[in-house]
PDB file of N, CA and C in Angstrom:
ATOM      1  N   VAL A   1     183.156 -54.841  28.237  1.00  0.00           N
ATOM      2  CA  VAL A   1     184.538 -55.025  28.651  1.00  0.00           C
ATOM      3  C   VAL A   1     184.727 -56.447  29.141  1.00  0.00           C
ATOM      4  N   ILE A   2     185.953 -56.877  29.179  1.00  0.00           N
ATOM      5  CA  ILE A   2     186.292 -58.176  29.757  1.00  0.00           C
ATOM      6  C   ILE A   2     186.797 -57.921  31.167  1.00  0.00           C
ATOM      7  N   LEU A   3     186.114 -58.522  32.133  1.00  0.00           N
ATOM      8  CA  LEU A   3     186.501 -58.361  33.529  1.00  0.00           C
ATOM      9  C   LEU A   3     187.570 -59.360  33.902  1.00  0.00           C
ATOM     10  N   GLN A   4     188.461 -58.926  34.775  1.00  0.00           N
ATOM     11  CA  GLN A   4     189.499 -59.792  35.319  1.00  0.00           C
ATOM     12  C   GLN A   4     189.502 -59.589  36.829  1.00  0.00           C
ATOM     13  N   ASN A   5     189.880 -60.596  37.557  1.00  0.00           N
ATOM     14  CA  ASN A   5     190.058 -60.469  39.008  1.00  0.00           C
ATOM     15  C   ASN A   5     188.813 -59.940  39.705  1.00  0.00           C
ATOM     16  N   LEU A   6     187.666 -60.491  39.376  1.00  0.00           N
ATOM     17  CA  LEU A   6     186.418 -60.092  40.004  1.00  0.00           C
ATOM     18  C   LEU A   6     186.397 -60.551  41.454  1.00  0.00           C
ATOM     19  N   SER A   7     186.020 -59.646  42.348  1.00  0.00           N
ATOM     20  CA  SER A   7     185.893 -59.980  43.765  1.00  0.00           C
ATOM     21  C   SER A   7     184.636 -59.305  44.301  1.00  0.00           C
ATOM     22  N   THR A   8     184.345 -59.515  45.559  1.00  0.00           N
ATOM     23  CA  THR A   8     183.182 -58.856  46.151  1.00  0.00           C
ATOM     24  C   THR A   8     183.365 -57.343  46.197  1.00  0.00           C
ATOM     25  N   ASP A   9     184.600 -56.869  46.249  1.00  0.00           N
ATOM     26  CA  ASP A   9     184.870 -55.438  46.358  1.00  0.00           C
ATOM     27  C   ASP A   9     184.998 -54.715  45.025  1.00  0.00           C
ATOM     28  N   GLY A  10     185.367 -55.433  43.952  1.00  0.00           N
ATOM     29  CA  GLY A  10     185.546 -54.763  42.676  1.00  0.00           C
ATOM     30  C   GLY A  10     186.095 -55.674  41.612  1.00  0.00           C
ATOM     31  N   PHE A  11     186.740 -55.081  40.635  1.00  0.00           N
ATOM     32  CA  PHE A  11     187.233 -55.844  39.490  1.00  0.00           C
ATOM     33  C   PHE A  11     188.325 -55.070  38.780  1.00  0.00           C
ATOM     34  N   GLN A  12     189.032 -55.771  37.926  1.00  0.00           N
ATOM     35  CA  GLN A  12     190.022 -55.181  37.031  1.00  0.00           C
ATOM     36  C   GLN A  12     189.502 -55.374  35.618  1.00  0.00           C
ATOM     37  N   MET A  13     189.755 -54.411  34.762  1.00  0.00           N
ATOM     38  CA  MET A  13     189.321 -54.518  33.370  1.00  0.00           C
ATOM     39  C   MET A  13     190.379 -53.907  32.465  1.00  0.00           C
ATOM     40  N   ALA A  14     190.253 -54.200  31.176  1.00  0.00           N
ATOM     41  CA  ALA A  14     191.152 -53.579  30.204  1.00  0.00           C
ATOM     42  C   ALA A  14     190.902 -52.077  30.191  1.00  0.00           C
ATOM     43  N   ARG A  15     191.965 -51.325  30.075  1.00  0.00           N
ATOM     44  CA  ARG A  15     191.868 -49.868  30.078  1.00  0.00           C
ATOM     45  C   ARG A  15     191.119 -49.385  28.842  1.00  0.00           C
ATOM     46  N   THR A  16     190.282 -48.397  29.036  1.00  0.00           N
ATOM     47  CA  THR A  16     189.530 -47.763  27.959  1.00  0.00           C
ATOM     48  C   THR A  16     190.077 -46.350  27.767  1.00  0.00           C
ATOM     49  N   PRO A  17     190.279 -45.909  26.538  1.00  0.00           N
ATOM     50  CA  PRO A  17     190.801 -44.555  26.325  1.00  0.00           C
ATOM     51  C   PRO A  17     189.958 -43.504  27.056  1.00  0.00           C
ATOM     52  N   GLY A  18     190.617 -42.574  27.700  1.00  0.00           N
ATOM     53  CA  GLY A  18     189.932 -41.503  28.404  1.00  0.00           C
ATOM     54  C   GLY A  18     189.493 -41.846  29.818  1.00  0.00           C
ATOM     55  N   LEU A  19     189.654 -43.076  30.217  1.00  0.00           N
ATOM     56  CA  LEU A  19     189.240 -43.495  31.560  1.00  0.00           C
ATOM     57  C   LEU A  19     190.233 -42.971  32.593  1.00  0.00           C
ATOM     58  N   ARG A  20     189.713 -42.381  33.656  1.00  0.00           N
ATOM     59  CA  ARG A  20     190.572 -41.808  34.696  1.00  0.00           C
ATOM     60  C   ARG A  20     190.119 -42.255  36.070  1.00  0.00           C
ATOM     61  N   ALA A  21     191.043 -42.203  37.017  1.00  0.00           N
ATOM     62  CA  ALA A  21     190.714 -42.530  38.405  1.00  0.00           C
ATOM     63  C   ALA A  21     189.602 -41.605  38.881  1.00  0.00           C
ATOM     64  N   GLU A  22     188.743 -42.151  39.714  1.00  0.00           N
ATOM     65  CA  GLU A  22     187.585 -41.473  40.315  1.00  0.00           C
ATOM     66  C   GLU A  22     186.414 -41.299  39.354  1.00  0.00           C
ATOM     67  N   THR A  23     186.506 -41.865  38.143  1.00  0.00           N
ATOM     68  CA  THR A  23     185.388 -41.818  37.213  1.00  0.00           C
ATOM     69  C   THR A  23     184.299 -42.787  37.677  1.00  0.00           C
ATOM     70  N   PRO A  24     183.072 -42.321  37.860  1.00  0.00           N
ATOM     71  CA  PRO A  24     181.990 -43.252  38.205  1.00  0.00           C
ATOM     72  C   PRO A  24     181.549 -44.005  36.950  1.00  0.00           C
ATOM     73  N   LEU A  25     181.131 -45.237  37.128  1.00  0.00           N
ATOM     74  CA  LEU A  25     180.607 -46.024  36.016  1.00  0.00           C
ATOM     75  C   LEU A  25     179.583 -47.012  36.541  1.00  0.00           C
ATOM     76  N   ARG A  26     178.877 -47.623  35.617  1.00  0.00           N
ATOM     77  CA  ARG A  26     177.939 -48.684  35.963  1.00  0.00           C
ATOM     78  C   ARG A  26     178.239 -49.860  35.053  1.00  0.00           C
ATOM     79  N   ILE A  27     178.155 -51.044  35.622  1.00  0.00           N
ATOM     80  CA  ILE A  27     178.460 -52.248  34.858  1.00  0.00           C
ATOM     81  C   ILE A  27     177.346 -53.259  35.072  1.00  0.00           C
ATOM     82  N   ARG A  28     177.001 -53.964  34.000  1.00  0.00           N
ATOM     83  CA  ARG A  28     175.971 -54.998  34.104  1.00  0.00           C
ATOM     84  C   ARG A  28     176.659 -56.360  34.032  1.00  0.00           C
ATOM     85  N   LEU A  29     176.505 -57.126  35.081  1.00  0.00           N
ATOM     86  CA  LEU A  29     177.001 -58.494  35.112  1.00  0.00           C
ATOM     87  C   LEU A  29     175.850 -59.419  34.729  1.00  0.00           C
ATOM     88  N   PRO A  30     176.134 -60.610  34.207  1.00  0.00           N
ATOM     89  CA  PRO A  30     175.072 -61.496  33.733  1.00  0.00           C
ATOM     90  C   PRO A  30     173.970 -61.692  34.761  1.00  0.00           C
ATOM     91  N   LYS A  31     172.739 -61.468  34.303  1.00  0.00           N
ATOM     92  CA  LYS A  31     171.527 -61.698  35.093  1.00  0.00           C
ATOM     93  C   LYS A  31     171.425 -60.831  36.346  1.00  0.00           C
ATOM     94  N   LEU A  32     172.131 -59.685  36.359  1.00  0.00           N
ATOM     95  CA  LEU A  32     172.051 -58.745  37.474  1.00  0.00           C
ATOM     96  C   LEU A  32     171.713 -57.363  36.943  1.00  0.00           C
ATOM     97  N   GLU A  33     171.258 -56.500  37.840  1.00  0.00           N
ATOM     98  CA  GLU A  33     170.982 -55.112  37.463  1.00  0.00           C
ATOM     99  C   GLU A  33     172.301 -54.362  37.293  1.00  0.00           C
ATOM    100  N   LEU A  34     172.217 -53.141  36.812  1.00  0.00           N
ATOM    101  CA  LEU A  34     173.418 -52.313  36.698  1.00  0.00           C
ATOM    102  C   LEU A  34     174.009 -52.082  38.086  1.00  0.00           C
ATOM    103  N   LEU A  35     175.309 -52.243  38.193  1.00  0.00           N
ATOM    104  CA  LEU A  35     175.995 -52.066  39.472  1.00  0.00           C
ATOM    105  C   LEU A  35     176.891 -50.837  39.399  1.00  0.00           C
ATOM    106  N   PRO A  36     176.714 -49.886  40.314  1.00  0.00           N
ATOM    107  CA  PRO A  36     177.581 -48.708  40.310  1.00  0.00           C
ATOM    108  C   PRO A  36     178.974 -49.040  40.842  1.00  0.00           C
ATOM    109  N   ALA A  37     179.976 -48.435  40.227  1.00  0.00           N
ATOM    110  CA  ALA A  37     181.370 -48.638  40.626  1.00  0.00           C
ATOM    111  C   ALA A  37     182.133 -47.339  40.384  1.00  0.00           C
ATOM    112  N   VAL A  38     183.355 -47.282  40.886  1.00  0.00           N
ATOM    113  CA  VAL A  38     184.224 -46.122  40.708  1.00  0.00           C
ATOM    114  C   VAL A  38     185.602 -46.622  40.308  1.00  0.00           C
ATOM    115  N   VAL A  39     186.198 -45.983  39.303  1.00  0.00           N
ATOM    116  CA  VAL A  39     187.566 -46.321  38.900  1.00  0.00           C
ATOM    117  C   VAL A  39     188.504 -45.855  40.011  1.00  0.00           C
ATOM    118  N   ARG A  40     189.332 -46.750  40.528  1.00  0.00           N
ATOM    119  CA  ARG A  40     190.265 -46.411  41.599  1.00  0.00           C
ATOM    120  C   ARG A  40     191.680 -46.167  41.083  1.00  0.00           C
ATOM    121  N   TRP A  41     192.079 -46.876  40.037  1.00  0.00           N
ATOM    122  CA  TRP A  41     193.409 -46.682  39.471  1.00  0.00           C
ATOM    123  C   TRP A  41     193.401 -47.059  37.996  1.00  0.00           C
ATOM    124  N   VAL A  42     194.317 -46.491  37.250  1.00  0.00           N
ATOM    125  CA  VAL A  42     194.475 -46.776  35.818  1.00  0.00           C
ATOM    126  C   VAL A  42     195.967 -46.866  35.537  1.00  0.00           C
ATOM    127  N   ASP A  43     196.383 -47.906  34.842  1.00  0.00           N
ATOM    128  CA  ASP A  43     197.761 -47.977  34.374  1.00  0.00           C
ATOM    129  C   ASP A  43     197.741 -48.076  32.853  1.00  0.00           C
ATOM    130  N   LYS A  44     198.849 -48.438  32.265  1.00  0.00           N
ATOM    131  CA  LYS A  44     198.981 -48.462  30.804  1.00  0.00           C
ATOM    132  C   LYS A  44     197.970 -49.399  30.128  1.00  0.00           C
ATOM    133  N   GLU A  45     197.646 -50.528  30.764  1.00  0.00           N
ATOM    134  CA  GLU A  45     196.800 -51.534  30.132  1.00  0.00           C
ATOM    135  C   GLU A  45     195.508 -51.854  30.875  1.00  0.00           C
ATOM    136  N   HIS A  46     195.418 -51.534  32.158  1.00  0.00           N
ATOM    137  CA  HIS A  46     194.279 -51.959  32.967  1.00  0.00           C
ATOM    138  C   HIS A  46     193.712 -50.832  33.810  1.00  0.00           C
ATOM    139  N   ALA A  47     192.532 -51.074  34.336  1.00  0.00           N
ATOM    140  CA  ALA A  47     191.913 -50.171  35.305  1.00  0.00           C
ATOM    141  C   ALA A  47     191.356 -51.023  36.430  1.00  0.00           C
ATOM    142  N   GLY A  48     191.471 -50.525  37.644  1.00  0.00           N
ATOM    143  CA  GLY A  48     190.908 -51.199  38.809  1.00  0.00           C
ATOM    144  C   GLY A  48     189.705 -50.417  39.297  1.00  0.00           C
ATOM    145  N   CYS A  49     188.605 -51.106  39.516  1.00  0.00           N
ATOM    146  CA  CYS A  49     187.354 -50.458  39.896  1.00  0.00           C
ATOM    147  C   CYS A  49     186.814 -51.070  41.177  1.00  0.00           C
ATOM    148  N   ALA A  50     186.169 -50.249  41.986  1.00  0.00           N
ATOM    149  CA  ALA A  50     185.559 -50.703  43.235  1.00  0.00           C
ATOM    150  C   ALA A  50     184.052 -50.534  43.124  1.00  0.00           C
ATOM    151  N   PHE A  51     183.312 -51.558  43.541  1.00  0.00           N
ATOM    152  CA  PHE A  51     181.860 -51.439  43.592  1.00  0.00           C
ATOM    153  C   PHE A  51     181.479 -50.443  44.676  1.00  0.00           C
ATOM    154  N   VAL A  52     180.456 -49.654  44.432  1.00  0.00           N
ATOM    155  CA  VAL A  52     179.973 -48.713  45.440  1.00  0.00           C
ATOM    156  C   VAL A  52     179.476 -49.489  46.659  1.00  0.00           C
ATOM    157  N   ARG A  53     178.762 -50.570  46.409  1.00  0.00           N
ATOM    158  CA  ARG A  53     178.332 -51.489  47.465  1.00  0.00           C
ATOM    159  C   ARG A  53     178.922 -52.857  47.142  1.00  0.00           C
ATOM    160  N   PRO A  54     179.738 -53.416  48.009  1.00  0.00           N
ATOM    161  CA  PRO A  54     180.349 -54.718  47.710  1.00  0.00           C
ATOM    162  C   PRO A  54     179.294 -55.783  47.397  1.00  0.00           C
ATOM    163  N   LEU A  55     179.660 -56.698  46.522  1.00  0.00           N
ATOM    164  CA  LEU A  55     178.791 -57.836  46.217  1.00  0.00           C
ATOM    165  C   LEU A  55     178.784 -58.802  47.382  1.00  0.00           C
ATOM    166  N   SER A  56     177.701 -59.496  47.555  1.00  0.00           N
ATOM    167  CA  SER A  56     177.680 -60.558  48.570  1.00  0.00           C
ATOM    168  C   SER A  56     178.451 -61.749  48.022  1.00  0.00           C
ATOM    169  N   ALA A  57     178.929 -62.572  48.905  1.00  0.00           N
ATOM    170  CA  ALA A  57     179.645 -63.788  48.492  1.00  0.00           C
ATOM    171  C   ALA A  57     178.725 -64.687  47.661  1.00  0.00           C
ATOM    172  N   TYR A  58     177.436 -64.698  47.983  1.00  0.00           N
ATOM    173  CA  TYR A  58     176.461 -65.495  47.234  1.00  0.00           C
ATOM    174  C   TYR A  58     176.397 -65.017  45.778  1.00  0.00           C
ATOM    175  N   VAL A  59     176.339 -63.702  45.572  1.00  0.00           N
ATOM    176  CA  VAL A  59     176.264 -63.147  44.216  1.00  0.00           C
ATOM    177  C   VAL A  59     177.553 -63.443  43.446  1.00  0.00           C
ATOM    178  N   LEU A  60     178.692 -63.298  44.083  1.00  0.00           N
ATOM    179  CA  LEU A  60     179.968 -63.606  43.431  1.00  0.00           C
ATOM    180  C   LEU A  60     180.019 -65.074  43.016  1.00  0.00           C
ATOM    181  N   ASP A  61     179.563 -65.961  43.867  1.00  0.00           N
ATOM    182  CA  ASP A  61     179.525 -67.387  43.548  1.00  0.00           C
ATOM    183  C   ASP A  61     178.594 -67.642  42.359  1.00  0.00           C
ATOM    184  N   HIS A  62     177.459 -66.971  42.334  1.00  0.00           N
ATOM    185  CA  HIS A  62     176.507 -67.101  41.226  1.00  0.00           C
ATOM    186  C   HIS A  62     177.155 -66.671  39.906  1.00  0.00           C
ATOM    187  N   ILE A  63     177.860 -65.554  39.924  1.00  0.00           N
ATOM    188  CA  ILE A  63     178.546 -65.054  38.717  1.00  0.00           C
ATOM    189  C   ILE A  63     179.606 -66.055  38.263  1.00  0.00           C
ATOM    190  N   ALA A  64     180.347 -66.610  39.198  1.00  0.00           N
ATOM    191  CA  ALA A  64     181.378 -67.597  38.852  1.00  0.00           C
ATOM    192  C   ALA A  64     180.749 -68.826  38.205  1.00  0.00           C
ATOM    193  N   ARG A  65     179.613 -69.275  38.739  1.00  0.00           N
ATOM    194  CA  ARG A  65     178.935 -70.439  38.143  1.00  0.00           C
ATOM    195  C   ARG A  65     178.471 -70.118  36.724  1.00  0.00           C
ATOM    196  N   LEU A  66     177.965 -68.904  36.515  1.00  0.00           N
ATOM    197  CA  LEU A  66     177.518 -68.509  35.167  1.00  0.00           C
ATOM    198  C   LEU A  66     178.685 -68.464  34.190  1.00  0.00           C
ATOM    199  N   ALA A  67     179.851 -68.040  34.650  1.00  0.00           N
ATOM    200  CA  ALA A  67     181.024 -67.971  33.781  1.00  0.00           C
ATOM    201  C   ALA A  67     181.451 -69.366  33.328  1.00  0.00           C
ATOM    202  N   ILE A  68     181.255 -70.342  34.209  1.00  0.00           N
ATOM    203  CA  ILE A  68     181.623 -71.730  33.873  1.00  0.00           C
ATOM    204  C   ILE A  68     180.551 -72.360  32.994  1.00  0.00           C
ATOM    205  N   ASN A  69     179.275 -72.123  33.330  1.00  0.00           N
ATOM    206  CA  ASN A  69     178.170 -72.704  32.584  1.00  0.00           C
ATOM    207  C   ASN A  69     177.093 -71.638  32.384  1.00  0.00           C
ATOM    208  N   PRO A  70     177.145 -70.866  31.298  1.00  0.00           N
ATOM    209  CA  PRO A  70     176.217 -69.764  31.108  1.00  0.00           C
ATOM    210  C   PRO A  70     174.771 -70.186  30.888  1.00  0.00           C
ATOM    211  N   TRP A  71     174.504 -71.457  30.751  1.00  0.00           N
ATOM    212  CA  TRP A  71     173.137 -71.937  30.483  1.00  0.00           C
ATOM    213  C   TRP A  71     172.387 -72.272  31.743  1.00  0.00           C
ATOM    214  N   THR A  72     172.982 -72.058  32.937  1.00  0.00           N
ATOM    215  CA  THR A  72     172.276 -72.373  34.180  1.00  0.00           C
ATOM    216  C   THR A  72     171.413 -71.227  34.625  1.00  0.00           C
TER     217      THR A  72
END
């Protein structure tokens, strides 16, 4: 999926058919282990998900750097 609005608490993504609020999922971010999350809301085009355990600010910064320069 393509993530949007990534924060320490969660993320927004494009809606997937059949996805419903309270659905548990796991997502792999670059160079990290699978992270458990829960779908909190779904609208016509997007879904909002919350991480079970919030990311640290350090990890979020690392992900942002990878998005800018994936070769680091």
